[in-house]
Amino acid sequence: MRTYSSDEPTPNQVMALFHGSALSFNLSKGATFADLADRLDNLGEGHTGSPMAIMMKFSAPQTNLQPAR
């Protein structure tokens, strides 16, 4: 199991649900929606067509904001 330190950003994560299976993968930093579409299309070729559902989790940029007083 991989753990992330507080200064290491969490990668963008994607889970694609196909009929009878689920695949998850990390998107590289700077990936576009076109890159995501290509990856999902390639995954669909080995499964039963297009995914039934896609869940995405994006990392948020880290900030050093201080609360207002």
C-alpha atoms as a PDB file:
ATOM      1  CA  MET A   1       0.000   0.000   0.000  1.00  0.00           C
ATOM      2  CA  ARG A   2       1.384   3.390  -0.961  1.00  0.00           C
ATOM      3  CA  THR A   3       1.220   6.307   1.424  1.00  0.00           C
ATOM      4  CA  TYR A   4       1.625   9.935   0.472  1.00  0.00           C
ATOM      5  CA  SER A   5       3.540  12.489   2.457  1.00  0.00           C
ATOM      6  CA  SER A   6       1.957  15.859   3.104  1.00  0.00           C
ATOM      7  CA  ASP A   7       4.191  17.574   0.544  1.00  0.00           C
ATOM      8  CA  GLU A   8       3.550  15.005  -2.226  1.00  0.00           C
ATOM      9  CA  PRO A   9       0.379  15.753  -4.227  1.00  0.00           C
ATOM     10  CA  THR A  10      -2.200  13.002  -4.593  1.00  0.00           C
ATOM     11  CA  PRO A  11      -2.497  11.932  -8.231  1.00  0.00           C
ATOM     12  CA  ASN A  12      -5.695  12.383 -10.206  1.00  0.00           C
ATOM     13  CA  GLN A  13      -7.555   9.091  -9.943  1.00  0.00           C
ATOM     14  CA  VAL A  14     -10.092   7.531 -12.313  1.00  0.00           C
ATOM     15  CA  MET A  15     -12.293   4.461 -11.873  1.00  0.00           C
ATOM     16  CA  ALA A  16     -14.192   3.061 -14.844  1.00  0.00           C
ATOM     17  CA  LEU A  17     -17.022   0.588 -14.251  1.00  0.00           C
ATOM     18  CA  PHE A  18     -17.647  -1.886 -17.046  1.00  0.00           C
ATOM     19  CA  HIS A  19     -20.256  -4.627 -17.132  1.00  0.00           C
ATOM     20  CA  GLY A  20     -18.779  -7.183 -14.742  1.00  0.00           C
ATOM     21  CA  SER A  21     -15.511  -5.388 -13.932  1.00  0.00           C
ATOM     22  CA  ALA A  22     -13.970  -2.162 -12.647  1.00  0.00           C
ATOM     23  CA  LEU A  23     -10.602  -0.641 -13.482  1.00  0.00           C
ATOM     24  CA  SER A  24      -8.826   2.198 -11.728  1.00  0.00           C
ATOM     25  CA  PHE A  25      -5.789   4.179 -12.790  1.00  0.00           C
ATOM     26  CA  ASN A  26      -3.972   7.441 -12.124  1.00  0.00           C
ATOM     27  CA  LEU A  27      -3.978  10.263 -14.658  1.00  0.00           C
ATOM     28  CA  SER A  28      -0.678  11.992 -15.186  1.00  0.00           C
ATOM     29  CA  LYS A  29      -0.303  15.638 -14.260  1.00  0.00           C
ATOM     30  CA  GLY A  30      -1.348  17.813 -17.191  1.00  0.00           C
ATOM     31  CA  ALA A  31      -3.521  15.124 -18.816  1.00  0.00           C
ATOM     32  CA  THR A  32      -6.423  16.491 -20.859  1.00  0.00           C
ATOM     33  CA  PHE A  33      -9.980  15.209 -21.241  1.00  0.00           C
ATOM     34  CA  ALA A  34      -8.910  14.008 -24.705  1.00  0.00           C
ATOM     35  CA  ASP A  35      -6.176  11.906 -23.034  1.00  0.00           C
ATOM     36  CA  LEU A  36      -8.780  10.489 -20.646  1.00  0.00           C
ATOM     37  CA  ALA A  37     -11.167   9.707 -23.525  1.00  0.00           C
ATOM     38  CA  ASP A  38      -8.402   7.879 -25.428  1.00  0.00           C
ATOM     39  CA  ARG A  39      -7.484   5.845 -22.355  1.00  0.00           C
ATOM     40  CA  LEU A  40     -11.111   4.882 -21.697  1.00  0.00           C
ATOM     41  CA  ASP A  41     -11.597   3.994 -25.374  1.00  0.00           C
ATOM     42  CA  ASN A  42      -8.559   1.695 -25.261  1.00  0.00           C
ATOM     43  CA  LEU A  43      -9.811   0.056 -22.062  1.00  0.00           C
ATOM     44  CA  GLY A  44     -13.250  -0.462 -23.619  1.00  0.00           C
ATOM     45  CA  GLU A  45     -11.747  -2.500 -26.443  1.00  0.00           C
ATOM     46  CA  GLY A  46     -10.741  -5.197 -23.953  1.00  0.00           C
ATOM     47  CA  HIS A  47     -14.076  -5.196 -22.145  1.00  0.00           C
ATOM     48  CA  THR A  48     -17.727  -5.215 -23.083  1.00  0.00           C
ATOM     49  CA  GLY A  49     -17.730  -1.781 -24.715  1.00  0.00           C
ATOM     50  CA  SER A  50     -17.915   1.641 -23.147  1.00  0.00           C
ATOM     51  CA  PRO A  51     -17.858   2.105 -19.372  1.00  0.00           C
ATOM     52  CA  MET A  52     -21.215   2.222 -17.597  1.00  0.00           C
ATOM     53  CA  ALA A  53     -19.894   4.782 -15.102  1.00  0.00           C
ATOM     54  CA  ILE A  54     -16.748   6.847 -14.605  1.00  0.00           C
ATOM     55  CA  MET A  55     -15.672   8.290 -11.265  1.00  0.00           C
ATOM     56  CA  MET A  56     -12.901  10.867 -11.121  1.00  0.00           C
ATOM     57  CA  LYS A  57     -11.012  12.344  -8.174  1.00  0.00           C
ATOM     58  CA  PHE A  58      -8.812  15.355  -8.834  1.00  0.00           C
ATOM     59  CA  SER A  59      -6.092  16.577  -6.544  1.00  0.00           C
ATOM     60  CA  ALA A  60      -6.416  20.136  -5.330  1.00  0.00           C
ATOM     61  CA  PRO A  61      -3.465  22.491  -5.495  1.00  0.00           C
ATOM     62  CA  GLN A  62      -1.817  22.985  -2.133  1.00  0.00           C
ATOM     63  CA  THR A  63      -1.954  26.478  -0.667  1.00  0.00           C
ATOM     64  CA  ASN A  64      -0.431  28.159   2.340  1.00  0.00           C
ATOM     65  CA  LEU A  65      -3.480  30.274   3.157  1.00  0.00           C
ATOM     66  CA  GLN A  66      -3.942  31.365   6.737  1.00  0.00           C
ATOM     67  CA  PRO A  67      -7.433  31.675   8.249  1.00  0.00           C
ATOM     68  CA  ALA A  68      -8.825  35.220   8.502  1.00  0.00           C
ATOM     69  CA  ARG A  69      -8.872  36.690  12.003  1.00  0.00           C
END
